[in-house]
Amino acid sequence: MIRMKFSSQTVTVKCFDGSGMIAYIATPKTDSRQPAIIVVHEAWGLNEQIKGVANRYAEQGFISIAPHLFSREKDLLTEQAI
């Protein structure tokens, strides 16, 4: 099993209406081009478990992004999971 080193960060992605969506990105540390995968969270939103899934894909060589699909909504319980 391949285990690559990776870096990760939480970013804000600009949306079509000018607002921002929070997303977690994990990227393998390599100079070569890598495939990408989108990690979709469960009803609980972007939490540590979903970030861990993105990290495991990055260890396998995938650029992984986990958008917080509820981040543009206000007053949701999932906002606390960021």
PDB file of N, CA and C in Angstrom:
ATOM      1  N   MET A   1       0.835  -1.179   0.000  1.00  0.00           N
ATOM      2  CA  MET A   1       0.000   0.000   0.000  1.00  0.00           C
ATOM      3  C   MET A   1       0.880   1.244   0.000  1.00  0.00           C
ATOM      4  N   ILE A   2       0.586   2.147  -0.900  1.00  0.00           N
ATOM      5  CA  ILE A   2       1.322   3.407  -1.003  1.00  0.00           C
ATOM      6  C   ILE A   2       0.846   4.352   0.096  1.00  0.00           C
ATOM      7  N   ARG A   3       1.785   4.996   0.772  1.00  0.00           N
ATOM      8  CA  ARG A   3       1.455   6.031   1.756  1.00  0.00           C
ATOM      9  C   ARG A   3       2.306   7.253   1.447  1.00  0.00           C
ATOM     10  N   MET A   4       1.690   8.214   0.803  1.00  0.00           N
ATOM     11  CA  MET A   4       2.402   9.437   0.439  1.00  0.00           C
ATOM     12  C   MET A   4       2.234  10.475   1.538  1.00  0.00           C
ATOM     13  N   LYS A   5       3.221  11.340   1.671  1.00  0.00           N
ATOM     14  CA  LYS A   5       3.062  12.492   2.545  1.00  0.00           C
ATOM     15  C   LYS A   5       2.107  13.462   1.856  1.00  0.00           C
ATOM     16  N   PHE A   6       1.375  14.225   2.650  1.00  0.00           N
ATOM     17  CA  PHE A   6       0.409  15.144   2.075  1.00  0.00           C
ATOM     18  C   PHE A   6       0.307  16.400   2.937  1.00  0.00           C
ATOM     19  N   SER A   7      -0.271  17.427   2.358  1.00  0.00           N
ATOM     20  CA  SER A   7      -0.580  18.641   3.116  1.00  0.00           C
ATOM     21  C   SER A   7      -2.086  18.856   3.028  1.00  0.00           C
ATOM     22  N   SER A   8      -2.629  19.576   4.000  1.00  0.00           N
ATOM     23  CA  SER A   8      -4.068  19.826   3.993  1.00  0.00           C
ATOM     24  C   SER A   8      -4.345  21.228   4.510  1.00  0.00           C
ATOM     25  N   GLN A   9      -5.490  21.747   4.110  1.00  0.00           N
ATOM     26  CA  GLN A   9      -5.899  23.069   4.561  1.00  0.00           C
ATOM     27  C   GLN A   9      -7.400  23.239   4.361  1.00  0.00           C
ATOM     28  N   THR A  10      -7.973  24.139   5.137  1.00  0.00           N
ATOM     29  CA  THR A  10      -9.363  24.527   4.958  1.00  0.00           C
ATOM     30  C   THR A  10      -9.366  25.839   4.192  1.00  0.00           C
ATOM     31  N   VAL A  11     -10.157  25.889   3.128  1.00  0.00           N
ATOM     32  CA  VAL A  11     -10.192  27.058   2.252  1.00  0.00           C
ATOM     33  C   VAL A  11     -11.635  27.516   2.064  1.00  0.00           C
ATOM     34  N   THR A  12     -11.790  28.693   1.511  1.00  0.00           N
ATOM     35  CA  THR A  12     -13.104  29.177   1.104  1.00  0.00           C
ATOM     36  C   THR A  12     -13.099  29.282  -0.415  1.00  0.00           C
ATOM     37  N   VAL A  13     -14.017  28.560  -1.048  1.00  0.00           N
ATOM     38  CA  VAL A  13     -14.129  28.544  -2.500  1.00  0.00           C
ATOM     39  C   VAL A  13     -15.204  29.546  -2.908  1.00  0.00           C
ATOM     40  N   LYS A  14     -14.869  30.442  -3.820  1.00  0.00           N
ATOM     41  CA  LYS A  14     -15.828  31.449  -4.272  1.00  0.00           C
ATOM     42  C   LYS A  14     -16.903  30.785  -5.136  1.00  0.00           C
ATOM     43  N   CYS A  15     -18.156  31.079  -4.841  1.00  0.00           N
ATOM     44  CA  CYS A  15     -19.289  30.516  -5.576  1.00  0.00           C
ATOM     45  C   CYS A  15     -19.778  31.489  -6.643  1.00  0.00           C
ATOM     46  N   PHE A  16     -20.652  31.014  -7.515  1.00  0.00           N
ATOM     47  CA  PHE A  16     -21.136  31.810  -8.630  1.00  0.00           C
ATOM     48  C   PHE A  16     -21.810  33.103  -8.198  1.00  0.00           C
ATOM     49  N   ASP A  17     -22.421  33.114  -7.009  1.00  0.00           N
ATOM     50  CA  ASP A  17     -23.127  34.314  -6.551  1.00  0.00           C
ATOM     51  C   ASP A  17     -22.248  35.237  -5.710  1.00  0.00           C
ATOM     52  N   GLY A  18     -20.966  34.940  -5.641  1.00  0.00           N
ATOM     53  CA  GLY A  18     -20.036  35.775  -4.900  1.00  0.00           C
ATOM     54  C   GLY A  18     -19.823  35.354  -3.455  1.00  0.00           C
ATOM     55  N   SER A  19     -20.680  34.454  -2.958  1.00  0.00           N
ATOM     56  CA  SER A  19     -20.499  33.971  -1.584  1.00  0.00           C
ATOM     57  C   SER A  19     -19.404  32.908  -1.565  1.00  0.00           C
ATOM     58  N   GLY A  20     -19.063  32.437  -0.401  1.00  0.00           N
ATOM     59  CA  GLY A  20     -18.010  31.441  -0.288  1.00  0.00           C
ATOM     60  C   GLY A  20     -18.498  30.150   0.334  1.00  0.00           C
ATOM     61  N   MET A  21     -17.924  29.037  -0.106  1.00  0.00           N
ATOM     62  CA  MET A  21     -18.204  27.724   0.466  1.00  0.00           C
ATOM     63  C   MET A  21     -16.923  27.195   1.087  1.00  0.00           C
ATOM     64  N   ILE A  22     -17.007  26.759   2.306  1.00  0.00           N
ATOM     65  CA  ILE A  22     -15.846  26.203   2.995  1.00  0.00           C
ATOM     66  C   ILE A  22     -15.568  24.807   2.445  1.00  0.00           C
ATOM     67  N   ALA A  23     -14.298  24.490   2.272  1.00  0.00           N
ATOM     68  CA  ALA A  23     -13.903  23.167   1.793  1.00  0.00           C
ATOM     69  C   ALA A  23     -12.578  22.774   2.440  1.00  0.00           C
ATOM     70  N   TYR A  24     -12.382  21.492   2.609  1.00  0.00           N
ATOM     71  CA  TYR A  24     -11.138  20.930   3.130  1.00  0.00           C
ATOM     72  C   TYR A  24     -10.431  20.269   1.960  1.00  0.00           C
ATOM     73  N   ILE A  25      -9.160  20.594   1.766  1.00  0.00           N
ATOM     74  CA  ILE A  25      -8.385  20.041   0.658  1.00  0.00           C
ATOM     75  C   ILE A  25      -7.154  19.336   1.201  1.00  0.00           C
ATOM     76  N   ALA A  26      -6.943  18.111   0.758  1.00  0.00           N
ATOM     77  CA  ALA A  26      -5.741  17.349   1.105  1.00  0.00           C
ATOM     78  C   ALA A  26      -5.022  17.009  -0.198  1.00  0.00           C
ATOM     79  N   THR A  27      -3.737  17.351  -0.263  1.00  0.00           N
ATOM     80  CA  THR A  27      -2.962  17.216  -1.497  1.00  0.00           C
ATOM     81  C   THR A  27      -1.688  16.418  -1.250  1.00  0.00           C
ATOM     82  N   PRO A  28      -1.437  15.363  -2.040  1.00  0.00           N
ATOM     83  CA  PRO A  28      -0.186  14.622  -1.891  1.00  0.00           C
ATOM     84  C   PRO A  28       1.013  15.516  -2.226  1.00  0.00           C
ATOM     85  N   LYS A  29       2.100  15.309  -1.517  1.00  0.00           N
ATOM     86  CA  LYS A  29       3.318  16.078  -1.779  1.00  0.00           C
ATOM     87  C   LYS A  29       4.109  15.382  -2.876  1.00  0.00           C
ATOM     88  N   THR A  30       3.879  15.831  -4.098  1.00  0.00           N
ATOM     89  CA  THR A  30       4.559  15.285  -5.260  1.00  0.00           C
ATOM     90  C   THR A  30       4.571  16.347  -6.355  1.00  0.00           C
ATOM     91  N   ASP A  31       5.521  16.247  -7.262  1.00  0.00           N
ATOM     92  CA  ASP A  31       5.600  17.182  -8.380  1.00  0.00           C
ATOM     93  C   ASP A  31       4.811  16.689  -9.592  1.00  0.00           C
ATOM     94  N   SER A  32       4.388  15.438  -9.579  1.00  0.00           N
ATOM     95  CA  SER A  32       3.665  14.898 -10.725  1.00  0.00           C
ATOM     96  C   SER A  32       2.170  15.198 -10.624  1.00  0.00           C
ATOM     97  N   ARG A  33       1.500  15.132 -11.753  1.00  0.00           N
ATOM     98  CA  ARG A  33       0.044  15.347 -11.783  1.00  0.00           C
ATOM     99  C   ARG A  33      -0.637  14.175 -11.090  1.00  0.00           C
ATOM    100  N   GLN A  34      -1.692  14.481 -10.345  1.00  0.00           N
ATOM    101  CA  GLN A  34      -2.412  13.460  -9.590  1.00  0.00           C
ATOM    102  C   GLN A  34      -3.902  13.520  -9.903  1.00  0.00           C
ATOM    103  N   PRO A  35      -4.594  12.384  -9.836  1.00  0.00           N
ATOM    104  CA  PRO A  35      -6.042  12.404 -10.015  1.00  0.00           C
ATOM    105  C   PRO A  35      -6.701  13.058  -8.804  1.00  0.00           C
ATOM    106  N   ALA A  36      -7.926  13.522  -8.983  1.00  0.00           N
ATOM    107  CA  ALA A  36      -8.646  14.195  -7.903  1.00  0.00           C
ATOM    108  C   ALA A  36      -9.941  13.456  -7.590  1.00  0.00           C
ATOM    109  N   ILE A  37     -10.403  13.623  -6.360  1.00  0.00           N
ATOM    110  CA  ILE A  37     -11.639  12.992  -5.914  1.00  0.00           C
ATOM    111  C   ILE A  37     -12.386  13.975  -5.011  1.00  0.00           C
ATOM    112  N   ILE A  38     -13.704  13.957  -5.084  1.00  0.00           N
ATOM    113  CA  ILE A  38     -14.540  14.779  -4.210  1.00  0.00           C
ATOM    114  C   ILE A  38     -15.110  13.878  -3.126  1.00  0.00           C
ATOM    115  N   VAL A  39     -14.922  14.274  -1.880  1.00  0.00           N
ATOM    116  CA  VAL A  39     -15.456  13.523  -0.740  1.00  0.00           C
ATOM    117  C   VAL A  39     -16.713  14.256  -0.270  1.00  0.00           C
ATOM    118  N   VAL A  40     -17.857  13.598  -0.359  1.00  0.00           N
ATOM    119  CA  VAL A  40     -19.129  14.210   0.038  1.00  0.00           C
ATOM    120  C   VAL A  40     -19.460  13.760   1.452  1.00  0.00           C
ATOM    121  N   HIS A  41     -19.748  14.735   2.302  1.00  0.00           N
ATOM    122  CA  HIS A  41     -20.022  14.414   3.700  1.00  0.00           C
ATOM    123  C   HIS A  41     -21.434  13.883   3.909  1.00  0.00           C
ATOM    124  N   GLU A  42     -21.636  13.336   5.109  1.00  0.00           N
ATOM    125  CA  GLU A  42     -22.943  12.837   5.519  1.00  0.00           C
ATOM    126  C   GLU A  42     -23.769  14.011   6.056  1.00  0.00           C
ATOM    127  N   ALA A  43     -24.893  13.715   6.675  1.00  0.00           N
ATOM    128  CA  ALA A  43     -25.792  14.744   7.193  1.00  0.00           C
ATOM    129  C   ALA A  43     -25.150  15.603   8.280  1.00  0.00           C
ATOM    130  N   TRP A  44     -24.078  15.122   8.888  1.00  0.00           N
ATOM    131  CA  TRP A  44     -23.434  15.855   9.986  1.00  0.00           C
ATOM    132  C   TRP A  44     -22.501  16.953   9.488  1.00  0.00           C
ATOM    133  N   GLY A  45     -22.279  17.038   8.205  1.00  0.00           N
ATOM    134  CA  GLY A  45     -21.432  18.094   7.671  1.00  0.00           C
ATOM    135  C   GLY A  45     -19.964  17.709   7.644  1.00  0.00           C
ATOM    136  N   LEU A  46     -19.133  18.697   7.427  1.00  0.00           N
ATOM    137  CA  LEU A  46     -17.689  18.510   7.346  1.00  0.00           C
ATOM    138  C   LEU A  46     -17.139  18.396   8.764  1.00  0.00           C
ATOM    139  N   ASN A  47     -16.821  17.179   9.168  1.00  0.00           N
ATOM    140  CA  ASN A  47     -16.300  16.948  10.514  1.00  0.00           C
ATOM    141  C   ASN A  47     -14.959  16.223  10.425  1.00  0.00           C
ATOM    142  N   GLU A  48     -14.402  15.867  11.553  1.00  0.00           N
ATOM    143  CA  GLU A  48     -13.074  15.230  11.581  1.00  0.00           C
ATOM    144  C   GLU A  48     -13.069  13.884  10.860  1.00  0.00           C
ATOM    145  N   GLN A  49     -14.173  13.157  10.908  1.00  0.00           N
ATOM    146  CA  GLN A  49     -14.232  11.863  10.223  1.00  0.00           C
ATOM    147  C   GLN A  49     -14.123  12.049   8.711  1.00  0.00           C
ATOM    148  N   ILE A  50     -14.816  13.033   8.168  1.00  0.00           N
ATOM    149  CA  ILE A  50     -14.766  13.297   6.723  1.00  0.00           C
ATOM    150  C   ILE A  50     -13.386  13.815   6.328  1.00  0.00           C
ATOM    151  N   LYS A  51     -12.795  14.665   7.164  1.00  0.00           N
ATOM    152  CA  LYS A  51     -11.429  15.122   6.896  1.00  0.00           C
ATOM    153  C   LYS A  51     -10.466  13.945   6.888  1.00  0.00           C
ATOM    154  N   GLY A  52     -10.688  12.974   7.765  1.00  0.00           N
ATOM    155  CA  GLY A  52      -9.847  11.777   7.791  1.00  0.00           C
ATOM    156  C   GLY A  52      -9.969  10.958   6.514  1.00  0.00           C
ATOM    157  N   VAL A  53     -11.172  10.882   5.959  1.00  0.00           N
ATOM    158  CA  VAL A  53     -11.369  10.185   4.683  1.00  0.00           C
ATOM    159  C   VAL A  53     -10.583  10.897   3.585  1.00  0.00           C
ATOM    160  N   ALA A  54     -10.675  12.218   3.544  1.00  0.00           N
ATOM    161  CA  ALA A  54      -9.924  12.994   2.546  1.00  0.00           C
ATOM    162  C   ALA A  54      -8.414  12.776   2.721  1.00  0.00           C
ATOM    163  N   ASN A  55      -7.958  12.736   3.955  1.00  0.00           N
ATOM    164  CA  ASN A  55      -6.534  12.503   4.232  1.00  0.00           C
ATOM    165  C   ASN A  55      -6.091  11.128   3.742  1.00  0.00           C
ATOM    166  N   ARG A  56      -6.910  10.119   3.957  1.00  0.00           N
ATOM    167  CA  ARG A  56      -6.541   8.766   3.512  1.00  0.00           C
ATOM    168  C   ARG A  56      -6.449   8.696   1.989  1.00  0.00           C
ATOM    169  N   TYR A  57      -7.338   9.395   1.273  1.00  0.00           N
ATOM    170  CA  TYR A  57      -7.219   9.442  -0.187  1.00  0.00           C
ATOM    171  C   TYR A  57      -5.932  10.151  -0.595  1.00  0.00           C
ATOM    172  N   ALA A  58      -5.577  11.222   0.099  1.00  0.00           N
ATOM    173  CA  ALA A  58      -4.334  11.940  -0.215  1.00  0.00           C
ATOM    174  C   ALA A  58      -3.118  11.041   0.015  1.00  0.00           C
ATOM    175  N   GLU A  59      -3.151  10.226   1.054  1.00  0.00           N
ATOM    176  CA  GLU A  59      -2.050   9.274   1.293  1.00  0.00           C
ATOM    177  C   GLU A  59      -1.910   8.279   0.153  1.00  0.00           C
ATOM    178  N   GLN A  60      -3.002   8.015  -0.559  1.00  0.00           N
ATOM    179  CA  GLN A  60      -2.988   7.083  -1.684  1.00  0.00           C
ATOM    180  C   GLN A  60      -2.673   7.764  -3.017  1.00  0.00           C
ATOM    181  N   GLY A  61      -2.438   9.096  -2.980  1.00  0.00           N
ATOM    182  CA  GLY A  61      -2.027   9.802  -4.188  1.00  0.00           C
ATOM    183  C   GLY A  61      -3.104  10.625  -4.867  1.00  0.00           C
ATOM    184  N   PHE A  62      -4.275  10.764  -4.254  1.00  0.00           N
ATOM    185  CA  PHE A  62      -5.351  11.564  -4.833  1.00  0.00           C
ATOM    186  C   PHE A  62      -5.376  12.960  -4.224  1.00  0.00           C
ATOM    187  N   ILE A  63      -5.628  13.963  -5.039  1.00  0.00           N
ATOM    188  CA  ILE A  63      -5.984  15.275  -4.505  1.00  0.00           C
ATOM    189  C   ILE A  63      -7.433  15.130  -4.082  1.00  0.00           C
ATOM    190  N   SER A  64      -7.737  15.429  -2.840  1.00  0.00           N
ATOM    191  CA  SER A  64      -9.112  15.249  -2.386  1.00  0.00           C
ATOM    192  C   SER A  64      -9.656  16.550  -1.819  1.00  0.00           C
ATOM    193  N   ILE A  65     -10.895  16.833  -2.185  1.00  0.00           N
ATOM    194  CA  ILE A  65     -11.570  18.019  -1.685  1.00  0.00           C
ATOM    195  C   ILE A  65     -12.895  17.584  -1.062  1.00  0.00           C
ATOM    196  N   ALA A  66     -13.145  18.097   0.124  1.00  0.00           N
ATOM    197  CA  ALA A  66     -14.387  17.802   0.836  1.00  0.00           C
ATOM    198  C   ALA A  66     -15.104  19.128   1.083  1.00  0.00           C
ATOM    199  N   PRO A  67     -16.042  19.497   0.212  1.00  0.00           N
ATOM    200  CA  PRO A  67     -16.758  20.749   0.415  1.00  0.00           C
ATOM    201  C   PRO A  67     -17.749  20.618   1.565  1.00  0.00           C
ATOM    202  N   HIS A  68     -17.892  21.681   2.337  1.00  0.00           N
ATOM    203  CA  HIS A  68     -18.884  21.704   3.410  1.00  0.00           C
ATOM    204  C   HIS A  68     -20.173  22.230   2.790  1.00  0.00           C
ATOM    205  N   LEU A  69     -21.032  21.319   2.379  1.00  0.00           N
ATOM    206  CA  LEU A  69     -22.199  21.671   1.587  1.00  0.00           C
ATOM    207  C   LEU A  69     -23.193  22.557   2.322  1.00  0.00           C
ATOM    208  N   PHE A  70     -23.114  22.613   3.651  1.00  0.00           N
ATOM    209  CA  PHE A  70     -24.026  23.449   4.424  1.00  0.00           C
ATOM    210  C   PHE A  70     -23.409  24.791   4.811  1.00  0.00           C
ATOM    211  N   SER A  71     -22.196  25.064   4.411  1.00  0.00           N
ATOM    212  CA  SER A  71     -21.488  26.250   4.907  1.00  0.00           C
ATOM    213  C   SER A  71     -22.095  27.564   4.432  1.00  0.00           C
ATOM    214  N   ARG A  72     -22.899  27.544   3.390  1.00  0.00           N
ATOM    215  CA  ARG A  72     -23.529  28.782   2.912  1.00  0.00           C
ATOM    216  C   ARG A  72     -24.842  29.059   3.629  1.00  0.00           C
ATOM    217  N   GLU A  73     -25.322  28.099   4.407  1.00  0.00           N
ATOM    218  CA  GLU A  73     -26.550  28.268   5.181  1.00  0.00           C
ATOM    219  C   GLU A  73     -26.192  28.751   6.577  1.00  0.00           C
ATOM    220  N   LYS A  74     -27.069  29.472   7.213  1.00  0.00           N
ATOM    221  CA  LYS A  74     -26.807  29.990   8.556  1.00  0.00           C
ATOM    222  C   LYS A  74     -27.644  29.228   9.580  1.00  0.00           C
ATOM    223  N   ASP A  75     -27.181  29.267  10.816  1.00  0.00           N
ATOM    224  CA  ASP A  75     -27.893  28.688  11.956  1.00  0.00           C
ATOM    225  C   ASP A  75     -28.099  27.176  11.845  1.00  0.00           C
ATOM    226  N   LEU A  76     -27.148  26.473  11.269  1.00  0.00           N
ATOM    227  CA  LEU A  76     -27.218  25.027  11.225  1.00  0.00           C
ATOM    228  C   LEU A  76     -26.291  24.434  12.268  1.00  0.00           C
ATOM    229  N   LEU A  77     -26.702  23.351  12.862  1.00  0.00           N
ATOM    230  CA  LEU A  77     -25.894  22.665  13.860  1.00  0.00           C
ATOM    231  C   LEU A  77     -24.537  22.277  13.279  1.00  0.00           C
ATOM    232  N   THR A  78     -24.490  21.923  11.987  1.00  0.00           N
ATOM    233  CA  THR A  78     -23.251  21.471  11.367  1.00  0.00           C
ATOM    234  C   THR A  78     -22.193  22.551  11.284  1.00  0.00           C
ATOM    235  N   GLU A  79     -22.564  23.813  11.443  1.00  0.00           N
ATOM    236  CA  GLU A  79     -21.564  24.880  11.423  1.00  0.00           C
ATOM    237  C   GLU A  79     -20.534  24.677  12.526  1.00  0.00           C
ATOM    238  N   GLN A  80     -20.908  24.017  13.612  1.00  0.00           N
ATOM    239  CA  GLN A  80     -19.992  23.784  14.723  1.00  0.00           C
ATOM    240  C   GLN A  80     -18.957  22.715  14.392  1.00  0.00           C
ATOM    241  N   ALA A  81     -19.173  21.953  13.329  1.00  0.00           N
ATOM    242  CA  ALA A  81     -18.281  20.856  12.984  1.00  0.00           C
ATOM    243  C   ALA A  81     -17.044  21.291  12.234  1.00  0.00           C
ATOM    244  N   ILE A  82     -16.971  22.537  11.823  1.00  0.00           N
ATOM    245  CA  ILE A  82     -15.844  22.998  11.006  1.00  0.00           C
ATOM    246  C   ILE A  82     -14.590  23.112  11.846  1.00  0.00           C
TER     247      ILE A  82
END
